[in-house]
């Protein structure tokens, strides 16, 4: 489960960047820090990283957009992913995704207006023998039914 997000504090984040100055290839660990603190990588933080590491915003954005665990736009406190791999699809994940989109009033890749949920794209969880699978905040749930999905959403809403 993700905790409440921090407000953007560039002075604090500059100290985080500085703590990575002596390691090789600090960009990805720094992006992880931003993602963990803010739930995404704000443009102000990207600009600071660019300045401090002396790399272009294009390079930062290229890395951030390449890896699915990074987001350049705000996301919800809870990330829900429905596996769309072949086995999960054949076992009903498409129905789960449609139900989730209808229930939350958003499409895959979008965030609810209250900032509680983002439906994140998931191509394959790698647990095909227990399909269909979903993830909620990184935790995998197997052989999920629509009823279980509804219960999990209610559980997350209480946190």
Protein backbone atom coordinates (compact mmCIF):
# COMPACT_ATOMS: atom_id res chain seq x y z
CA UNK A 1 0.00 0.00 0.00
CA UNK A 2 1.22 3.47 -0.80
CA UNK A 3 1.19 6.06 1.93
CA UNK A 4 0.01 9.63 1.71
CA UNK A 5 2.06 11.56 -0.83
CA UNK A 6 4.52 14.23 0.16
CA UNK A 7 4.29 17.80 -1.11
CA UNK A 8 7.00 18.74 -3.57
CA UNK A 9 10.00 20.06 -1.68
CA UNK A 10 12.91 20.78 -4.02
CA UNK A 11 15.36 21.54 -1.22
CA UNK A 12 14.68 18.15 0.36
CA UNK A 13 14.89 16.40 -3.00
CA UNK A 14 18.20 18.12 -3.78
CA UNK A 15 19.65 16.43 -0.68
CA UNK A 16 18.39 13.09 -2.00
CA UNK A 17 20.07 13.70 -5.36
CA UNK A 18 23.28 14.67 -3.56
CA UNK A 19 23.22 11.38 -1.64
CA UNK A 20 23.51 9.53 -4.98
CA UNK A 21 26.41 11.59 -6.36
CA UNK A 22 29.05 8.93 -5.63
CA UNK A 23 27.29 6.00 -7.26
CA UNK A 24 27.54 5.01 -10.92
CA UNK A 25 24.33 5.54 -12.89
CA UNK A 26 22.33 7.45 -10.28
CA UNK A 27 19.36 8.39 -12.52
CA UNK A 28 17.16 5.32 -12.01
CA UNK A 29 17.59 5.21 -8.21
CA UNK A 30 16.84 8.94 -8.06
CA UNK A 31 13.71 8.47 -10.19
CA UNK A 32 12.62 5.69 -7.80
CA UNK A 33 13.00 8.12 -4.90
CA UNK A 34 10.80 10.69 -6.67
CA UNK A 35 8.20 8.05 -7.55
CA UNK A 36 8.11 6.82 -3.94
CA UNK A 37 7.78 10.33 -2.50
CA UNK A 38 5.30 11.87 -4.92
CA UNK A 39 3.66 8.95 -6.75
CA UNK A 40 5.09 10.31 -10.00
CA UNK A 41 8.06 12.36 -11.21
CA UNK A 42 6.98 16.01 -11.23
CA UNK A 43 8.44 18.30 -13.89
CA UNK A 44 10.01 20.48 -11.17
CA UNK A 45 11.89 17.42 -9.90
CA UNK A 46 12.89 16.46 -13.45
CA UNK A 47 14.29 19.96 -13.93
CA UNK A 48 16.26 19.71 -10.69
CA UNK A 49 17.64 16.28 -11.65
CA UNK A 50 18.62 17.69 -15.05
CA UNK A 51 20.50 20.57 -13.44
CA UNK A 52 22.21 18.50 -10.74
CA UNK A 53 23.23 15.55 -12.94
CA UNK A 54 23.94 17.73 -16.00
CA UNK A 55 21.73 15.66 -18.29
CA UNK A 56 18.88 16.75 -20.53
CA UNK A 57 15.21 16.59 -19.62
CA UNK A 58 14.79 14.50 -22.79
CA UNK A 59 17.11 11.85 -21.35
CA UNK A 60 15.25 11.87 -18.02
CA UNK A 61 11.88 11.65 -19.74
CA UNK A 62 13.17 8.90 -22.04
CA UNK A 63 14.16 6.77 -19.05
CA UNK A 64 10.99 7.62 -17.11
CA UNK A 65 8.72 6.74 -20.04
CA UNK A 66 10.62 3.54 -20.91
CA UNK A 67 10.06 1.88 -17.53
CA UNK A 68 6.44 1.16 -16.58
CA UNK A 69 7.11 1.72 -12.86
CA UNK A 70 7.70 5.43 -13.47
CA UNK A 71 4.97 7.99 -14.07
CA UNK A 72 5.33 11.57 -15.26
CA UNK A 73 1.77 12.50 -14.30
CA UNK A 74 0.12 12.24 -10.88
CA UNK A 75 -1.27 8.80 -10.04
CA UNK A 76 -3.67 7.48 -7.44
CA UNK A 77 -2.75 6.27 -3.99
CA UNK A 78 -3.62 2.74 -5.12
CA UNK A 79 -2.42 1.21 -8.38
CA UNK A 80 -4.60 -1.58 -9.75
CA UNK A 81 -3.43 -3.64 -12.70
CA UNK A 82 -5.31 -6.34 -14.57
CA UNK A 83 -3.05 -8.78 -16.41
CA UNK A 84 -3.78 -8.74 -20.14
CA UNK A 85 -1.45 -11.60 -21.04
CA UNK A 86 -2.86 -14.36 -23.23
CA UNK A 87 -3.67 -16.87 -20.48
CA UNK A 88 -5.26 -14.27 -18.22
CA UNK A 89 -7.22 -12.89 -21.17
CA UNK A 90 -8.51 -16.38 -22.04
CA UNK A 91 -9.55 -16.79 -18.40
CA UNK A 92 -11.58 -13.59 -18.15
CA UNK A 93 -9.22 -10.71 -17.41
CA UNK A 94 -10.90 -8.62 -20.13
CA UNK A 95 -14.17 -8.83 -18.19
CA UNK A 96 -12.34 -7.87 -14.98
CA UNK A 97 -10.77 -4.84 -16.68
CA UNK A 98 -14.10 -3.68 -18.15
CA UNK A 99 -15.78 -4.11 -14.77
CA UNK A 100 -13.00 -2.19 -13.02
CA UNK A 101 -13.16 0.65 -15.57
CA UNK A 102 -16.95 0.85 -15.19
CA UNK A 103 -16.84 0.69 -11.38
CA UNK A 104 -14.15 3.38 -11.05
CA UNK A 105 -15.37 5.49 -13.99
CA UNK A 106 -11.93 5.61 -15.61
CA UNK A 107 -10.02 3.75 -18.31
CA UNK A 108 -6.71 1.93 -18.08
CA UNK A 109 -3.94 4.49 -17.55
CA UNK A 110 -6.26 7.00 -15.88
CA UNK A 111 -6.71 8.11 -12.26
CA UNK A 112 -9.98 8.64 -10.40
CA UNK A 113 -10.88 12.27 -9.71
CA UNK A 114 -10.52 11.70 -5.96
CA UNK A 115 -6.91 10.53 -6.46
CA UNK A 116 -7.59 7.13 -4.89
CA UNK A 117 -7.06 4.75 -7.83
CA UNK A 118 -5.07 4.47 -11.03
CA UNK A 119 -5.60 1.56 -13.40
CA UNK A 120 -2.11 0.67 -14.58
CA UNK A 121 -1.39 -1.39 -17.69
CA UNK A 122 -0.06 -4.90 -16.93
CA UNK A 123 1.07 -7.13 -19.80
CA UNK A 124 2.01 -10.28 -17.91
CA UNK A 125 2.46 -11.06 -14.23
CA UNK A 126 4.05 -14.43 -14.94
CA UNK A 127 1.63 -16.47 -12.86
CA UNK A 128 -0.37 -17.93 -15.73
CA UNK A 129 -1.42 -21.13 -13.93
CA UNK A 130 -3.56 -19.05 -11.54
CA UNK A 131 -5.21 -16.77 -14.12
CA UNK A 132 -6.76 -14.26 -14.17
CA UNK A 133 -4.36 -12.22 -12.07
CA UNK A 134 -4.43 -8.63 -10.85
CA UNK A 135 -2.05 -6.46 -8.87
CA UNK A 136 -2.94 -3.90 -6.27
CA UNK A 137 -0.07 -1.72 -5.07
CA UNK A 138 2.38 -4.37 -6.26
CA UNK A 139 0.70 -7.32 -4.52
CA UNK A 140 -0.47 -10.12 -6.83
CA UNK A 141 -3.94 -11.65 -6.50
CA UNK A 142 -4.68 -14.92 -8.31
CA UNK A 143 -7.79 -16.44 -9.89
CA UNK A 144 -9.68 -13.21 -9.24
CA UNK A 145 -13.44 -13.02 -9.69
CA UNK A 146 -15.52 -9.87 -10.16
CA UNK A 147 -16.85 -10.31 -6.60
CA UNK A 148 -13.31 -10.51 -5.21
CA UNK A 149 -12.29 -7.47 -7.26
CA UNK A 150 -15.17 -5.48 -5.76
CA UNK A 151 -14.17 -6.58 -2.25
CA UNK A 152 -10.54 -5.56 -2.86
CA UNK A 153 -11.60 -2.12 -4.08
CA UNK A 154 -13.69 -1.62 -0.94
CA UNK A 155 -10.74 -2.78 1.20
CA UNK A 156 -8.43 -0.25 -0.48
CA UNK A 157 -11.00 2.53 -0.15
CA UNK A 158 -10.90 2.13 3.62
CA UNK A 159 -7.14 2.82 3.75
